[in-house]
């Protein structure tokens, strides 16, 4: 490896989730803030939680319902 071209590595970098969960990983940043982690992600929790931006989910559901009626 060439010297002085690689970023500093933090073996105990702290990940902070919006839900309050924190854990450590190795990273080139000492602290990382995330919105969703394994403690609050619907896939891992089994609870459906939709993050709707500008009504996109509702628009999709209406389109899906129209398509289901045609078939």
PDB file of N, CA and C in Angstrom:
ATOM      1  N   UNK A   1       0.832  -1.188   0.000  1.00  0.00           N
ATOM      2  CA  UNK A   1       0.000   0.000   0.000  1.00  0.00           C
ATOM      3  C   UNK A   1       0.873   1.246   0.000  1.00  0.00           C
ATOM      4  N   UNK A   2       0.428   2.236  -0.731  1.00  0.00           N
ATOM      5  CA  UNK A   2       1.138   3.509  -0.716  1.00  0.00           C
ATOM      6  C   UNK A   2       0.811   4.233   0.581  1.00  0.00           C
ATOM      7  N   UNK A   3       1.764   4.972   1.076  1.00  0.00           N
ATOM      8  CA  UNK A   3       1.566   5.715   2.321  1.00  0.00           C
ATOM      9  C   UNK A   3       0.869   7.041   2.051  1.00  0.00           C
ATOM     10  N   UNK A   4       0.096   7.489   3.032  1.00  0.00           N
ATOM     11  CA  UNK A   4      -0.546   8.815   3.059  1.00  0.00           C
ATOM     12  C   UNK A   4      -1.579   9.062   1.954  1.00  0.00           C
ATOM     13  N   UNK A   5      -2.156   8.001   1.350  1.00  0.00           N
ATOM     14  CA  UNK A   5      -3.227   8.231   0.378  1.00  0.00           C
ATOM     15  C   UNK A   5      -4.555   7.628   0.842  1.00  0.00           C
ATOM     16  N   UNK A   6      -4.530   6.811   1.864  1.00  0.00           N
ATOM     17  CA  UNK A   6      -5.735   6.144   2.334  1.00  0.00           C
ATOM     18  C   UNK A   6      -6.370   6.920   3.485  1.00  0.00           C
ATOM     19  N   UNK A   7      -7.705   6.927   3.563  1.00  0.00           N
ATOM     20  CA  UNK A   7      -8.359   7.625   4.677  1.00  0.00           C
ATOM     21  C   UNK A   7      -8.097   6.905   6.000  1.00  0.00           C
ATOM     22  N   UNK A   8      -8.241   7.645   7.083  1.00  0.00           N
ATOM     23  CA  UNK A   8      -8.061   7.057   8.406  1.00  0.00           C
ATOM     24  C   UNK A   8      -9.193   6.073   8.677  1.00  0.00           C
ATOM     25  N   UNK A   9      -8.867   4.935   9.254  1.00  0.00           N
ATOM     26  CA  UNK A   9      -9.845   3.895   9.545  1.00  0.00           C
ATOM     27  C   UNK A   9     -10.178   3.908  11.030  1.00  0.00           C
ATOM     28  N   UNK A  10     -11.474   3.923  11.349  1.00  0.00           N
ATOM     29  CA  UNK A  10     -11.947   3.899  12.729  1.00  0.00           C
ATOM     30  C   UNK A  10     -12.558   2.522  13.000  1.00  0.00           C
ATOM     31  N   UNK A  11     -11.862   1.651  13.719  1.00  0.00           N
ATOM     32  CA  UNK A  11     -12.391   0.311  13.976  1.00  0.00           C
ATOM     33  C   UNK A  11     -13.593   0.306  14.922  1.00  0.00           C
ATOM     34  N   UNK A  12     -13.793   1.357  15.672  1.00  0.00           N
ATOM     35  CA  UNK A  12     -14.914   1.462  16.617  1.00  0.00           C
ATOM     36  C   UNK A  12     -15.820   2.633  16.247  1.00  0.00           C
ATOM     37  N   UNK A  13     -16.184   2.764  14.986  1.00  0.00           N
ATOM     38  CA  UNK A  13     -17.072   3.847  14.550  1.00  0.00           C
ATOM     39  C   UNK A  13     -18.469   3.606  15.107  1.00  0.00           C
ATOM     40  N   UNK A  14     -19.135   4.669  15.514  1.00  0.00           N
ATOM     41  CA  UNK A  14     -20.455   4.557  16.141  1.00  0.00           C
ATOM     42  C   UNK A  14     -21.546   4.888  15.126  1.00  0.00           C
ATOM     43  N   UNK A  15     -22.513   3.992  15.004  1.00  0.00           N
ATOM     44  CA  UNK A  15     -23.687   4.199  14.149  1.00  0.00           C
ATOM     45  C   UNK A  15     -24.835   4.605  15.062  1.00  0.00           C
ATOM     46  N   UNK A  16     -25.505   5.715  14.729  1.00  0.00           N
ATOM     47  CA  UNK A  16     -26.611   6.221  15.532  1.00  0.00           C
ATOM     48  C   UNK A  16     -27.851   6.274  14.646  1.00  0.00           C
ATOM     49  N   UNK A  17     -28.885   5.524  15.039  1.00  0.00           N
ATOM     50  CA  UNK A  17     -30.133   5.478  14.276  1.00  0.00           C
ATOM     51  C   UNK A  17     -31.124   6.508  14.819  1.00  0.00           C
ATOM     52  N   UNK A  18     -32.068   6.913  13.982  1.00  0.00           N
ATOM     53  CA  UNK A  18     -33.101   7.856  14.390  1.00  0.00           C
ATOM     54  C   UNK A  18     -33.988   7.282  15.491  1.00  0.00           C
ATOM     55  N   UNK A  19     -34.086   5.946  15.582  1.00  0.00           N
ATOM     56  CA  UNK A  19     -34.919   5.326  16.617  1.00  0.00           C
ATOM     57  C   UNK A  19     -34.213   5.302  17.974  1.00  0.00           C
ATOM     58  N   UNK A  20     -32.921   5.659  18.008  1.00  0.00           N
ATOM     59  CA  UNK A  20     -32.185   5.684  19.269  1.00  0.00           C
ATOM     60  C   UNK A  20     -31.198   4.546  19.428  1.00  0.00           C
ATOM     61  N   UNK A  21     -31.252   3.559  18.556  1.00  0.00           N
ATOM     62  CA  UNK A  21     -30.338   2.425  18.616  1.00  0.00           C
ATOM     63  C   UNK A  21     -28.933   2.855  18.196  1.00  0.00           C
ATOM     64  N   UNK A  22     -27.916   2.362  18.900  1.00  0.00           N
ATOM     65  CA  UNK A  22     -26.530   2.628  18.522  1.00  0.00           C
ATOM     66  C   UNK A  22     -25.743   1.327  18.518  1.00  0.00           C
ATOM     67  N   UNK A  23     -24.777   1.244  17.624  1.00  0.00           N
ATOM     68  CA  UNK A  23     -23.877   0.106  17.577  1.00  0.00           C
ATOM     69  C   UNK A  23     -22.576   0.537  16.924  1.00  0.00           C
ATOM     70  N   UNK A  24     -21.562  -0.314  16.984  1.00  0.00           N
ATOM     71  CA  UNK A  24     -20.252   0.039  16.442  1.00  0.00           C
ATOM     72  C   UNK A  24     -19.885  -0.871  15.276  1.00  0.00           C
ATOM     73  N   UNK A  25     -19.191  -0.278  14.314  1.00  0.00           N
ATOM     74  CA  UNK A  25     -18.670  -0.984  13.145  1.00  0.00           C
ATOM     75  C   UNK A  25     -17.336  -0.354  12.775  1.00  0.00           C
ATOM     76  N   UNK A  26     -16.643  -0.937  11.830  1.00  0.00           N
ATOM     77  CA  UNK A  26     -15.437  -0.332  11.307  1.00  0.00           C
ATOM     78  C   UNK A  26     -15.791   0.548  10.126  1.00  0.00           C
ATOM     79  N   UNK A  27     -15.226   1.764  10.072  1.00  0.00           N
ATOM     80  CA  UNK A  27     -15.568   2.697   9.008  1.00  0.00           C
ATOM     81  C   UNK A  27     -14.467   3.734   8.841  1.00  0.00           C
ATOM     82  N   UNK A  28     -14.554   4.477   7.756  1.00  0.00           N
ATOM     83  CA  UNK A  28     -13.628   5.590   7.558  1.00  0.00           C
ATOM     84  C   UNK A  28     -14.173   6.879   8.156  1.00  0.00           C
ATOM     85  N   UNK A  29     -15.360   6.814   8.730  1.00  0.00           N
ATOM     86  CA  UNK A  29     -15.938   7.942   9.474  1.00  0.00           C
ATOM     87  C   UNK A  29     -16.081   7.527  10.922  1.00  0.00           C
ATOM     88  N   UNK A  30     -15.876   8.451  11.847  1.00  0.00           N
ATOM     89  CA  UNK A  30     -15.948   8.087  13.264  1.00  0.00           C
ATOM     90  C   UNK A  30     -17.373   7.980  13.778  1.00  0.00           C
ATOM     91  N   UNK A  31     -18.331   8.646  13.109  1.00  0.00           N
ATOM     92  CA  UNK A  31     -19.728   8.606  13.528  1.00  0.00           C
ATOM     93  C   UNK A  31     -20.618   8.700  12.296  1.00  0.00           C
ATOM     94  N   UNK A  32     -21.662   7.867  12.248  1.00  0.00           N
ATOM     95  CA  UNK A  32     -22.588   7.860  11.119  1.00  0.00           C
ATOM     96  C   UNK A  32     -24.008   7.881  11.668  1.00  0.00           C
ATOM     97  N   UNK A  33     -24.847   8.774  11.126  1.00  0.00           N
ATOM     98  CA  UNK A  33     -26.252   8.845  11.527  1.00  0.00           C
ATOM     99  C   UNK A  33     -27.098   8.250  10.411  1.00  0.00           C
ATOM    100  N   UNK A  34     -28.003   7.312  10.774  1.00  0.00           N
ATOM    101  CA  UNK A  34     -28.879   6.658   9.806  1.00  0.00           C
ATOM    102  C   UNK A  34     -30.330   6.818  10.230  1.00  0.00           C
ATOM    103  N   UNK A  35     -31.250   6.650   9.277  1.00  0.00           N
ATOM    104  CA  UNK A  35     -32.674   6.787   9.566  1.00  0.00           C
ATOM    105  C   UNK A  35     -33.315   5.466   9.964  1.00  0.00           C
ATOM    106  N   UNK A  36     -32.845   4.356   9.407  1.00  0.00           N
ATOM    107  CA  UNK A  36     -33.442   3.045   9.670  1.00  0.00           C
ATOM    108  C   UNK A  36     -32.328   2.038   9.946  1.00  0.00           C
ATOM    109  N   UNK A  37     -32.541   1.200  10.967  1.00  0.00           N
ATOM    110  CA  UNK A  37     -31.578   0.145  11.292  1.00  0.00           C
ATOM    111  C   UNK A  37     -32.344  -1.170  11.468  1.00  0.00           C
ATOM    112  N   UNK A  38     -31.657  -2.219  11.850  1.00  0.00           N
ATOM    113  CA  UNK A  38     -32.305  -3.521  11.998  1.00  0.00           C
ATOM    114  C   UNK A  38     -33.292  -3.559  13.160  1.00  0.00           C
ATOM    115  N   UNK A  39     -33.202  -2.640  14.102  1.00  0.00           N
ATOM    116  CA  UNK A  39     -34.148  -2.597  15.232  1.00  0.00           C
ATOM    117  C   UNK A  39     -35.484  -1.987  14.840  1.00  0.00           C
ATOM    118  N   UNK A  40     -35.491  -1.128  13.794  1.00  0.00           N
ATOM    119  CA  UNK A  40     -36.741  -0.465  13.428  1.00  0.00           C
ATOM    120  C   UNK A  40     -37.171  -0.727  11.977  1.00  0.00           C
ATOM    121  N   UNK A  41     -36.391  -1.462  11.195  1.00  0.00           N
ATOM    122  CA  UNK A  41     -36.754  -1.753   9.805  1.00  0.00           C
ATOM    123  C   UNK A  41     -37.899  -2.765   9.766  1.00  0.00           C
ATOM    124  N   UNK A  42     -38.920  -2.524   8.942  1.00  0.00           N
ATOM    125  CA  UNK A  42     -40.079  -3.418   8.884  1.00  0.00           C
ATOM    126  C   UNK A  42     -39.734  -4.866   8.533  1.00  0.00           C
ATOM    127  N   UNK A  43     -38.719  -5.092   7.741  1.00  0.00           N
ATOM    128  CA  UNK A  43     -38.342  -6.459   7.380  1.00  0.00           C
ATOM    129  C   UNK A  43     -37.922  -7.249   8.609  1.00  0.00           C
ATOM    130  N   UNK A  44     -37.207  -6.629   9.520  1.00  0.00           N
ATOM    131  CA  UNK A  44     -36.715  -7.317  10.710  1.00  0.00           C
ATOM    132  C   UNK A  44     -37.728  -7.318  11.856  1.00  0.00           C
ATOM    133  N   UNK A  45     -38.554  -6.285  11.950  1.00  0.00           N
ATOM    134  CA  UNK A  45     -39.509  -6.190  13.054  1.00  0.00           C
ATOM    135  C   UNK A  45     -40.819  -6.898  12.756  1.00  0.00           C
ATOM    136  N   UNK A  46     -41.150  -7.060  11.482  1.00  0.00           N
ATOM    137  CA  UNK A  46     -42.413  -7.685  11.107  1.00  0.00           C
ATOM    138  C   UNK A  46     -43.578  -6.720  11.122  1.00  0.00           C
ATOM    139  N   UNK A  47     -43.334  -5.467  11.427  1.00  0.00           N
ATOM    140  CA  UNK A  47     -44.379  -4.445  11.440  1.00  0.00           C
ATOM    141  C   UNK A  47     -44.269  -3.612  10.176  1.00  0.00           C
ATOM    142  N   UNK A  48     -45.424  -3.381   9.540  1.00  0.00           N
ATOM    143  CA  UNK A  48     -45.417  -2.566   8.331  1.00  0.00           C
ATOM    144  C   UNK A  48     -45.351  -1.101   8.717  1.00  0.00           C
ATOM    145  N   UNK A  49     -44.385  -0.411   8.188  1.00  0.00           N
ATOM    146  CA  UNK A  49     -44.218   1.015   8.463  1.00  0.00           C
ATOM    147  C   UNK A  49     -43.820   1.660   7.150  1.00  0.00           C
ATOM    148  N   UNK A  50     -44.719   2.430   6.563  1.00  0.00           N
ATOM    149  CA  UNK A  50     -44.450   3.035   5.276  1.00  0.00           C
ATOM    150  C   UNK A  50     -43.970   4.465   5.455  1.00  0.00           C
ATOM    151  N   UNK A  51     -42.936   4.796   4.723  1.00  0.00           N
ATOM    152  CA  UNK A  51     -42.441   6.160   4.705  1.00  0.00           C
ATOM    153  C   UNK A  51     -42.973   6.750   3.412  1.00  0.00           C
ATOM    154  N   UNK A  52     -44.088   7.473   3.492  1.00  0.00           N
ATOM    155  CA  UNK A  52     -44.771   7.992   2.319  1.00  0.00           C
ATOM    156  C   UNK A  52     -44.260   9.388   1.991  1.00  0.00           C
ATOM    157  N   UNK A  53     -43.754   9.533   0.787  1.00  0.00           N
ATOM    158  CA  UNK A  53     -43.266  10.823   0.331  1.00  0.00           C
ATOM    159  C   UNK A  53     -44.209  11.340  -0.739  1.00  0.00           C
ATOM    160  N   UNK A  54     -44.881  12.427  -0.466  1.00  0.00           N
ATOM    161  CA  UNK A  54     -45.779  13.092  -1.405  1.00  0.00           C
ATOM    162  C   UNK A  54     -46.890  12.185  -1.917  1.00  0.00           C
ATOM    163  N   UNK A  55     -47.410  11.299  -1.080  1.00  0.00           N
ATOM    164  CA  UNK A  55     -48.538  10.472  -1.454  1.00  0.00           C
ATOM    165  C   UNK A  55     -48.238   9.381  -2.465  1.00  0.00           C
ATOM    166  N   UNK A  56     -47.005   9.018  -2.636  1.00  0.00           N
ATOM    167  CA  UNK A  56     -46.638   8.020  -3.640  1.00  0.00           C
ATOM    168  C   UNK A  56     -47.202   6.642  -3.318  1.00  0.00           C
ATOM    169  N   UNK A  57     -47.236   6.284  -2.055  1.00  0.00           N
ATOM    170  CA  UNK A  57     -47.752   4.975  -1.679  1.00  0.00           C
ATOM    171  C   UNK A  57     -49.241   4.899  -1.988  1.00  0.00           C
ATOM    172  N   UNK A  58     -49.977   5.934  -1.623  1.00  0.00           N
ATOM    173  CA  UNK A  58     -51.415   5.959  -1.892  1.00  0.00           C
ATOM    174  C   UNK A  58     -51.680   5.933  -3.399  1.00  0.00           C
ATOM    175  N   UNK A  59     -50.900   6.664  -4.169  1.00  0.00           N
ATOM    176  CA  UNK A  59     -51.047   6.686  -5.619  1.00  0.00           C
ATOM    177  C   UNK A  59     -50.808   5.284  -6.195  1.00  0.00           C
ATOM    178  N   UNK A  60     -49.800   4.593  -5.694  1.00  0.00           N
ATOM    179  CA  UNK A  60     -49.510   3.233  -6.142  1.00  0.00           C
ATOM    180  C   UNK A  60     -50.654   2.293  -5.804  1.00  0.00           C
ATOM    181  N   UNK A  61     -51.196   2.407  -4.590  1.00  0.00           N
ATOM    182  CA  UNK A  61     -52.291   1.522  -4.186  1.00  0.00           C
ATOM    183  C   UNK A  61     -53.537   1.734  -5.039  1.00  0.00           C
ATOM    184  N   UNK A  62     -53.837   2.983  -5.410  1.00  0.00           N
ATOM    185  CA  UNK A  62     -54.981   3.263  -6.278  1.00  0.00           C
ATOM    186  C   UNK A  62     -54.773   2.637  -7.653  1.00  0.00           C
ATOM    187  N   UNK A  63     -53.579   2.773  -8.189  1.00  0.00           N
ATOM    188  CA  UNK A  63     -53.268   2.196  -9.491  1.00  0.00           C
ATOM    189  C   UNK A  63     -53.353   0.676  -9.441  1.00  0.00           C
ATOM    190  N   UNK A  64     -52.874   0.090  -8.365  1.00  0.00           N
ATOM    191  CA  UNK A  64     -52.928  -1.360  -8.196  1.00  0.00           C
ATOM    192  C   UNK A  64     -54.375  -1.846  -8.096  1.00  0.00           C
ATOM    193  N   UNK A  65     -55.222  -1.090  -7.392  1.00  0.00           N
ATOM    194  CA  UNK A  65     -56.641  -1.454  -7.248  1.00  0.00           C
ATOM    195  C   UNK A  65     -57.348  -1.382  -8.594  1.00  0.00           C
ATOM    196  N   UNK A  66     -57.049  -0.353  -9.406  1.00  0.00           N
ATOM    197  CA  UNK A  66     -57.656  -0.234 -10.739  1.00  0.00           C
ATOM    198  C   UNK A  66     -57.269  -1.406 -11.615  1.00  0.00           C
ATOM    199  N   UNK A  67     -56.003  -1.798 -11.535  1.00  0.00           N
ATOM    200  CA  UNK A  67     -55.523  -2.902 -12.354  1.00  0.00           C
ATOM    201  C   UNK A  67     -56.165  -4.221 -11.916  1.00  0.00           C
ATOM    202  N   UNK A  68     -56.369  -4.406 -10.626  1.00  0.00           N
ATOM    203  CA  UNK A  68     -56.989  -5.616 -10.104  1.00  0.00           C
ATOM    204  C   UNK A  68     -58.455  -5.714 -10.536  1.00  0.00           C
ATOM    205  N   UNK A  69     -59.157  -4.596 -10.642  1.00  0.00           N
ATOM    206  CA  UNK A  69     -60.555  -4.591 -11.065  1.00  0.00           C
ATOM    207  C   UNK A  69     -60.681  -5.001 -12.531  1.00  0.00           C
ATOM    208  N   UNK A  70     -59.715  -4.646 -13.374  1.00  0.00           N
ATOM    209  CA  UNK A  70     -59.769  -4.982 -14.792  1.00  0.00           C
ATOM    210  C   UNK A  70     -59.598  -6.471 -15.018  1.00  0.00           C
ATOM    211  N   UNK A  71     -58.907  -7.157 -14.147  1.00  0.00           N
ATOM    212  CA  UNK A  71     -58.610  -8.595 -14.369  1.00  0.00           C
ATOM    213  C   UNK A  71     -59.521  -9.460 -13.616  1.00  0.00           C
TER     214      UNK A  71
END
